[in-house]
Amino acid sequence: MTTPVTLTRAQKAAAILVAMGKPSASRLLKFFKQEELKALIEGARLLRTIPQSDLERIVADFEAEFTEGAGLRDSA
């Protein structure tokens, strides 16, 4: 079993955007501030190949944070 990759928040965001694909990611990127885009670009620049299991964990973590932060948990 491999050790999970440790990434910064910017690297995690970059990984999610790359996994989404160019059309979906480009629709989201237009809402980012200049400083956020710079952080994402730097995160992507330092990003290496991420194992599928780590990417799935990153997406699950993002989903949990987004759902909790947006007040969507247990609202169904």
PDB file of N, CA and C in Angstrom:
ATOM      1  N   MET A   1       0.846  -1.186   0.000  1.00  0.00           N
ATOM      2  CA  MET A   1       0.000   0.000   0.000  1.00  0.00           C
ATOM      3  C   MET A   1       0.887   1.243   0.000  1.00  0.00           C
ATOM      4  N   THR A   2       0.544   2.232  -0.814  1.00  0.00           N
ATOM      5  CA  THR A   2       1.350   3.440  -0.902  1.00  0.00           C
ATOM      6  C   THR A   2       0.900   4.458   0.137  1.00  0.00           C
ATOM      7  N   THR A   3       1.817   5.339   0.508  1.00  0.00           N
ATOM      8  CA  THR A   3       1.508   6.408   1.443  1.00  0.00           C
ATOM      9  C   THR A   3       0.736   7.487   0.699  1.00  0.00           C
ATOM     10  N   PRO A   4      -0.374   7.993   1.288  1.00  0.00           N
ATOM     11  CA  PRO A   4      -1.128   9.051   0.616  1.00  0.00           C
ATOM     12  C   PRO A   4      -0.257  10.282   0.376  1.00  0.00           C
ATOM     13  N   VAL A   5      -0.504  10.956  -0.710  1.00  0.00           N
ATOM     14  CA  VAL A   5       0.235  12.154  -1.079  1.00  0.00           C
ATOM     15  C   VAL A   5      -0.217  13.308  -0.189  1.00  0.00           C
ATOM     16  N   THR A   6       0.741  14.107   0.303  1.00  0.00           N
ATOM     17  CA  THR A   6       0.417  15.298   1.081  1.00  0.00           C
ATOM     18  C   THR A   6       0.466  16.498   0.149  1.00  0.00           C
ATOM     19  N   LEU A   7      -0.648  17.197   0.045  1.00  0.00           N
ATOM     20  CA  LEU A   7      -0.751  18.330  -0.872  1.00  0.00           C
ATOM     21  C   LEU A   7      -1.240  19.572  -0.142  1.00  0.00           C
ATOM     22  N   THR A   8      -0.884  20.741  -0.666  1.00  0.00           N
ATOM     23  CA  THR A   8      -1.418  21.993  -0.153  1.00  0.00           C
ATOM     24  C   THR A   8      -2.858  22.138  -0.645  1.00  0.00           C
ATOM     25  N   ARG A   9      -3.577  23.097  -0.075  1.00  0.00           N
ATOM     26  CA  ARG A   9      -4.956  23.340  -0.526  1.00  0.00           C
ATOM     27  C   ARG A   9      -4.972  23.750  -2.001  1.00  0.00           C
ATOM     28  N   ALA A  10      -3.992  24.554  -2.409  1.00  0.00           N
ATOM     29  CA  ALA A  10      -3.923  24.978  -3.811  1.00  0.00           C
ATOM     30  C   ALA A  10      -3.669  23.788  -4.726  1.00  0.00           C
ATOM     31  N   GLN A  11      -2.814  22.872  -4.299  1.00  0.00           N
ATOM     32  CA  GLN A  11      -2.545  21.682  -5.104  1.00  0.00           C
ATOM     33  C   GLN A  11      -3.785  20.794  -5.176  1.00  0.00           C
ATOM     34  N   LYS A  12      -4.512  20.680  -4.076  1.00  0.00           N
ATOM     35  CA  LYS A  12      -5.748  19.886  -4.087  1.00  0.00           C
ATOM     36  C   LYS A  12      -6.764  20.506  -5.040  1.00  0.00           C
ATOM     37  N   ALA A  13      -6.905  21.825  -4.976  1.00  0.00           N
ATOM     38  CA  ALA A  13      -7.838  22.509  -5.874  1.00  0.00           C
ATOM     39  C   ALA A  13      -7.419  22.318  -7.328  1.00  0.00           C
ATOM     40  N   ALA A  14      -6.133  22.432  -7.593  1.00  0.00           N
ATOM     41  CA  ALA A  14      -5.634  22.226  -8.956  1.00  0.00           C
ATOM     42  C   ALA A  14      -5.907  20.805  -9.425  1.00  0.00           C
ATOM     43  N   ALA A  15      -5.707  19.835  -8.547  1.00  0.00           N
ATOM     44  CA  ALA A  15      -5.958  18.432  -8.903  1.00  0.00           C
ATOM     45  C   ALA A  15      -7.427  18.211  -9.240  1.00  0.00           C
ATOM     46  N   ILE A  16      -8.310  18.812  -8.456  1.00  0.00           N
ATOM     47  CA  ILE A  16      -9.747  18.673  -8.718  1.00  0.00           C
ATOM     48  C   ILE A  16     -10.099  19.309 -10.058  1.00  0.00           C
ATOM     49  N   LEU A  17      -9.571  20.494 -10.325  1.00  0.00           N
ATOM     50  CA  LEU A  17      -9.860  21.165 -11.591  1.00  0.00           C
ATOM     51  C   LEU A  17      -9.343  20.370 -12.782  1.00  0.00           C
ATOM     52  N   VAL A  18      -8.158  19.808 -12.660  1.00  0.00           N
ATOM     53  CA  VAL A  18      -7.612  18.976 -13.741  1.00  0.00           C
ATOM     54  C   VAL A  18      -8.492  17.751 -13.950  1.00  0.00           C
ATOM     55  N   ALA A  19      -8.932  17.134 -12.849  1.00  0.00           N
ATOM     56  CA  ALA A  19      -9.775  15.938 -12.941  1.00  0.00           C
ATOM     57  C   ALA A  19     -11.129  16.254 -13.574  1.00  0.00           C
ATOM     58  N   MET A  20     -11.608  17.481 -13.394  1.00  0.00           N
ATOM     59  CA  MET A  20     -12.897  17.884 -13.966  1.00  0.00           C
ATOM     60  C   MET A  20     -12.840  17.970 -15.481  1.00  0.00           C
ATOM     61  N   GLY A  21     -11.672  18.250 -16.003  1.00  0.00           N
ATOM     62  CA  GLY A  21     -11.537  18.443 -17.442  1.00  0.00           C
ATOM     63  C   GLY A  21     -11.609  19.917 -17.799  1.00  0.00           C
ATOM     64  N   LYS A  22     -11.053  20.242 -18.931  1.00  0.00           N
ATOM     65  CA  LYS A  22     -10.910  21.633 -19.356  1.00  0.00           C
ATOM     66  C   LYS A  22     -12.240  22.384 -19.476  1.00  0.00           C
ATOM     67  N   PRO A  23     -13.274  21.823 -20.108  1.00  0.00           N
ATOM     68  CA  PRO A  23     -14.521  22.583 -20.252  1.00  0.00           C
ATOM     69  C   PRO A  23     -15.149  22.968 -18.909  1.00  0.00           C
ATOM     70  N   SER A  24     -15.242  22.023 -17.994  1.00  0.00           N
ATOM     71  CA  SER A  24     -15.848  22.308 -16.688  1.00  0.00           C
ATOM     72  C   SER A  24     -14.975  23.237 -15.861  1.00  0.00           C
ATOM     73  N   ALA A  25     -13.683  22.972 -15.850  1.00  0.00           N
ATOM     74  CA  ALA A  25     -12.762  23.794 -15.060  1.00  0.00           C
ATOM     75  C   ALA A  25     -12.753  25.236 -15.558  1.00  0.00           C
ATOM     76  N   SER A  26     -12.772  25.428 -16.863  1.00  0.00           N
ATOM     77  CA  SER A  26     -12.723  26.792 -17.404  1.00  0.00           C
ATOM     78  C   SER A  26     -13.968  27.587 -17.028  1.00  0.00           C
ATOM     79  N   ARG A  27     -15.103  26.915 -16.911  1.00  0.00           N
ATOM     80  CA  ARG A  27     -16.324  27.602 -16.477  1.00  0.00           C
ATOM     81  C   ARG A  27     -16.194  28.083 -15.037  1.00  0.00           C
ATOM     82  N   LEU A  28     -15.490  27.331 -14.198  1.00  0.00           N
ATOM     83  CA  LEU A  28     -15.299  27.725 -12.799  1.00  0.00           C
ATOM     84  C   LEU A  28     -14.215  28.779 -12.632  1.00  0.00           C
ATOM     85  N   LEU A  29     -13.150  28.656 -13.390  1.00  0.00           N
ATOM     86  CA  LEU A  29     -11.999  29.538 -13.212  1.00  0.00           C
ATOM     87  C   LEU A  29     -12.336  31.009 -13.423  1.00  0.00           C
ATOM     88  N   LYS A  30     -13.352  31.307 -14.212  1.00  0.00           N
ATOM     89  CA  LYS A  30     -13.683  32.711 -14.458  1.00  0.00           C
ATOM     90  C   LYS A  30     -14.209  33.411 -13.208  1.00  0.00           C
ATOM     91  N   PHE A  31     -14.573  32.643 -12.169  1.00  0.00           N
ATOM     92  CA  PHE A  31     -15.064  33.224 -10.928  1.00  0.00           C
ATOM     93  C   PHE A  31     -13.963  33.435  -9.886  1.00  0.00           C
ATOM     94  N   PHE A  32     -12.745  33.000 -10.178  1.00  0.00           N
ATOM     95  CA  PHE A  32     -11.638  33.107  -9.237  1.00  0.00           C
ATOM     96  C   PHE A  32     -11.017  34.500  -9.302  1.00  0.00           C
ATOM     97  N   LYS A  33     -10.549  34.974  -8.148  1.00  0.00           N
ATOM     98  CA  LYS A  33      -9.817  36.236  -8.080  1.00  0.00           C
ATOM     99  C   LYS A  33      -8.397  36.003  -8.589  1.00  0.00           C
ATOM    100  N   GLN A  34      -7.729  37.092  -8.941  1.00  0.00           N
ATOM    101  CA  GLN A  34      -6.373  37.015  -9.483  1.00  0.00           C
ATOM    102  C   GLN A  34      -5.424  36.288  -8.530  1.00  0.00           C
ATOM    103  N   GLU A  35      -5.513  36.594  -7.225  1.00  0.00           N
ATOM    104  CA  GLU A  35      -4.630  35.949  -6.246  1.00  0.00           C
ATOM    105  C   GLU A  35      -4.898  34.448  -6.174  1.00  0.00           C
ATOM    106  N   GLU A  36      -6.171  34.077  -6.279  1.00  0.00           N
ATOM    107  CA  GLU A  36      -6.537  32.663  -6.242  1.00  0.00           C
ATOM    108  C   GLU A  36      -6.001  31.928  -7.469  1.00  0.00           C
ATOM    109  N   LEU A  37      -6.084  32.577  -8.616  1.00  0.00           N
ATOM    110  CA  LEU A  37      -5.556  31.973  -9.841  1.00  0.00           C
ATOM    111  C   LEU A  37      -4.045  31.777  -9.754  1.00  0.00           C
ATOM    112  N   LYS A  38      -3.358  32.757  -9.185  1.00  0.00           N
ATOM    113  CA  LYS A  38      -1.907  32.628  -9.016  1.00  0.00           C
ATOM    114  C   LYS A  38      -1.577  31.443  -8.115  1.00  0.00           C
ATOM    115  N   ALA A  39      -2.329  31.288  -7.018  1.00  0.00           N
ATOM    116  CA  ALA A  39      -2.100  30.167  -6.097  1.00  0.00           C
ATOM    117  C   ALA A  39      -2.374  28.838  -6.791  1.00  0.00           C
ATOM    118  N   LEU A  40      -3.429  28.780  -7.598  1.00  0.00           N
ATOM    119  CA  LEU A  40      -3.754  27.555  -8.334  1.00  0.00           C
ATOM    120  C   LEU A  40      -2.674  27.212  -9.355  1.00  0.00           C
ATOM    121  N   ILE A  41      -2.202  28.222 -10.053  1.00  0.00           N
ATOM    122  CA  ILE A  41      -1.154  27.986 -11.055  1.00  0.00           C
ATOM    123  C   ILE A  41       0.104  27.458 -10.382  1.00  0.00           C
ATOM    124  N   GLU A  42       0.469  28.064  -9.259  1.00  0.00           N
ATOM    125  CA  GLU A  42       1.650  27.594  -8.530  1.00  0.00           C
ATOM    126  C   GLU A  42       1.421  26.176  -8.009  1.00  0.00           C
ATOM    127  N   GLY A  43       0.220  25.914  -7.489  1.00  0.00           N
ATOM    128  CA  GLY A  43      -0.102  24.568  -7.018  1.00  0.00           C
ATOM    129  C   GLY A  43      -0.029  23.550  -8.136  1.00  0.00           C
ATOM    130  N   ALA A  44      -0.546  23.903  -9.290  1.00  0.00           N
ATOM    131  CA  ALA A  44      -0.519  22.988 -10.438  1.00  0.00           C
ATOM    132  C   ALA A  44       0.909  22.762 -10.926  1.00  0.00           C
ATOM    133  N   ARG A  45       1.719  23.805 -10.868  1.00  0.00           N
ATOM    134  CA  ARG A  45       3.107  23.701 -11.317  1.00  0.00           C
ATOM    135  C   ARG A  45       3.886  22.696 -10.470  1.00  0.00           C
ATOM    136  N   LEU A  46       3.581  22.650  -9.184  1.00  0.00           N
ATOM    137  CA  LEU A  46       4.287  21.751  -8.271  1.00  0.00           C
ATOM    138  C   LEU A  46       3.650  20.367  -8.196  1.00  0.00           C
ATOM    139  N   LEU A  47       2.519  20.212  -8.850  1.00  0.00           N
ATOM    140  CA  LEU A  47       1.769  18.957  -8.781  1.00  0.00           C
ATOM    141  C   LEU A  47       2.440  17.862  -9.601  1.00  0.00           C
ATOM    142  N   ARG A  48       2.434  16.698  -9.059  1.00  0.00           N
ATOM    143  CA  ARG A  48       2.959  15.519  -9.744  1.00  0.00           C
ATOM    144  C   ARG A  48       1.781  14.593 -10.049  1.00  0.00           C
ATOM    145  N   THR A  49       2.056  13.458 -10.614  1.00  0.00           N
ATOM    146  CA  THR A  49       1.008  12.477 -10.867  1.00  0.00           C
ATOM    147  C   THR A  49       0.430  12.025  -9.535  1.00  0.00           C
ATOM    148  N   ILE A  50      -0.878  12.028  -9.459  1.00  0.00           N
ATOM    149  CA  ILE A  50      -1.557  11.643  -8.222  1.00  0.00           C
ATOM    150  C   ILE A  50      -2.229  10.298  -8.444  1.00  0.00           C
ATOM    151  N   PRO A  51      -1.971   9.336  -7.563  1.00  0.00           N
ATOM    152  CA  PRO A  51      -2.640   8.038  -7.682  1.00  0.00           C
ATOM    153  C   PRO A  51      -4.164   8.204  -7.599  1.00  0.00           C
ATOM    154  N   GLN A  52      -4.892   7.355  -8.305  1.00  0.00           N
ATOM    155  CA  GLN A  52      -6.349   7.431  -8.348  1.00  0.00           C
ATOM    156  C   GLN A  52      -6.953   7.425  -6.948  1.00  0.00           C
ATOM    157  N   SER A  53      -6.441   6.591  -6.057  1.00  0.00           N
ATOM    158  CA  SER A  53      -6.993   6.513  -4.698  1.00  0.00           C
ATOM    159  C   SER A  53      -6.820   7.838  -3.959  1.00  0.00           C
ATOM    160  N   ASP A  54      -5.697   8.521  -4.168  1.00  0.00           N
ATOM    161  CA  ASP A  54      -5.489   9.823  -3.532  1.00  0.00           C
ATOM    162  C   ASP A  54      -6.424  10.868  -4.128  1.00  0.00           C
ATOM    163  N   LEU A  55      -6.617  10.834  -5.440  1.00  0.00           N
ATOM    164  CA  LEU A  55      -7.524  11.779  -6.083  1.00  0.00           C
ATOM    165  C   LEU A  55      -8.947  11.573  -5.575  1.00  0.00           C
ATOM    166  N   GLU A  56      -9.356  10.334  -5.418  1.00  0.00           N
ATOM    167  CA  GLU A  56     -10.693  10.052  -4.887  1.00  0.00           C
ATOM    168  C   GLU A  56     -10.837  10.603  -3.471  1.00  0.00           C
ATOM    169  N   ARG A  57      -9.777  10.484  -2.652  1.00  0.00           N
ATOM    170  CA  ARG A  57      -9.803  11.014  -1.287  1.00  0.00           C
ATOM    171  C   ARG A  57      -9.885  12.541  -1.312  1.00  0.00           C
ATOM    172  N   ILE A  58      -9.133  13.178  -2.204  1.00  0.00           N
ATOM    173  CA  ILE A  58      -9.148  14.633  -2.321  1.00  0.00           C
ATOM    174  C   ILE A  58     -10.541  15.117  -2.716  1.00  0.00           C
ATOM    175  N   VAL A  59     -11.160  14.455  -3.680  1.00  0.00           N
ATOM    176  CA  VAL A  59     -12.505  14.831  -4.122  1.00  0.00           C
ATOM    177  C   VAL A  59     -13.511  14.626  -2.990  1.00  0.00           C
ATOM    178  N   ALA A  60     -13.411  13.522  -2.258  1.00  0.00           N
ATOM    179  CA  ALA A  60     -14.316  13.259  -1.134  1.00  0.00           C
ATOM    180  C   ALA A  60     -14.147  14.316  -0.047  1.00  0.00           C
ATOM    181  N   ASP A  61     -12.909  14.699   0.245  1.00  0.00           N
ATOM    182  CA  ASP A  61     -12.656  15.747   1.240  1.00  0.00           C
ATOM    183  C   ASP A  61     -13.258  17.070   0.789  1.00  0.00           C
ATOM    184  N   PHE A  62     -13.077  17.408  -0.489  1.00  0.00           N
ATOM    185  CA  PHE A  62     -13.637  18.643  -1.033  1.00  0.00           C
ATOM    186  C   PHE A  62     -15.158  18.623  -0.935  1.00  0.00           C
ATOM    187  N   GLU A  63     -15.751  17.510  -1.307  1.00  0.00           N
ATOM    188  CA  GLU A  63     -17.206  17.380  -1.251  1.00  0.00           C
ATOM    189  C   GLU A  63     -17.710  17.586   0.172  1.00  0.00           C
ATOM    190  N   ALA A  64     -17.035  16.991   1.142  1.00  0.00           N
ATOM    191  CA  ALA A  64     -17.442  17.126   2.539  1.00  0.00           C
ATOM    192  C   ALA A  64     -17.309  18.575   3.012  1.00  0.00           C
ATOM    193  N   GLU A  65     -16.196  19.227   2.684  1.00  0.00           N
ATOM    194  CA  GLU A  65     -15.996  20.624   3.070  1.00  0.00           C
ATOM    195  C   GLU A  65     -17.007  21.533   2.394  1.00  0.00           C
ATOM    196  N   PHE A  66     -17.247  21.317   1.117  1.00  0.00           N
ATOM    197  CA  PHE A  66     -18.189  22.147   0.374  1.00  0.00           C
ATOM    198  C   PHE A  66     -19.591  21.993   0.934  1.00  0.00           C
ATOM    199  N   THR A  67     -20.002  20.762   1.151  1.00  0.00           N
ATOM    200  CA  THR A  67     -21.346  20.488   1.661  1.00  0.00           C
ATOM    201  C   THR A  67     -21.531  21.101   3.041  1.00  0.00           C
ATOM    202  N   GLU A  68     -20.546  20.938   3.894  1.00  0.00           N
ATOM    203  CA  GLU A  68     -20.627  21.489   5.242  1.00  0.00           C
ATOM    204  C   GLU A  68     -20.597  23.012   5.217  1.00  0.00           C
ATOM    205  N   GLY A  69     -19.697  23.580   4.419  1.00  0.00           N
ATOM    206  CA  GLY A  69     -19.560  25.029   4.335  1.00  0.00           C
ATOM    207  C   GLY A  69     -20.757  25.701   3.697  1.00  0.00           C
ATOM    208  N   ALA A  70     -21.411  25.021   2.797  1.00  0.00           N
ATOM    209  CA  ALA A  70     -22.575  25.581   2.114  1.00  0.00           C
ATOM    210  C   ALA A  70     -23.858  25.346   2.898  1.00  0.00           C
ATOM    211  N   GLY A  71     -23.761  24.661   4.032  1.00  0.00           N
ATOM    212  CA  GLY A  71     -24.937  24.391   4.839  1.00  0.00           C
ATOM    213  C   GLY A  71     -25.874  23.380   4.207  1.00  0.00           C
ATOM    214  N   LEU A  72     -25.342  22.489   3.392  1.00  0.00           N
ATOM    215  CA  LEU A  72     -26.182  21.528   2.683  1.00  0.00           C
ATOM    216  C   LEU A  72     -26.313  20.194   3.404  1.00  0.00           C
ATOM    217  N   ARG A  73     -25.481  19.963   4.408  1.00  0.00           N
ATOM    218  CA  ARG A  73     -25.500  18.676   5.099  1.00  0.00           C
ATOM    219  C   ARG A  73     -26.839  18.497   5.820  1.00  0.00           C
ATOM    220  N   ASP A  74     -27.411  17.328   5.670  1.00  0.00           N
ATOM    221  CA  ASP A  74     -28.675  16.950   6.309  1.00  0.00           C
ATOM    222  C   ASP A  74     -29.830  17.869   5.946  1.00  0.00           C
ATOM    223  N   SER A  75     -29.784  18.466   4.785  1.00  0.00           N
ATOM    224  CA  SER A  75     -30.878  19.341   4.380  1.00  0.00           C
ATOM    225  C   SER A  75     -31.858  18.651   3.443  1.00  0.00           C
ATOM    226  N   ALA A  76     -31.556  17.404   3.083  1.00  0.00           N
ATOM    227  CA  ALA A  76     -32.426  16.697   2.139  1.00  0.00           C
ATOM    228  C   ALA A  76     -33.577  16.031   2.849  1.00  0.00           C
TER     229      ALA A  76
END
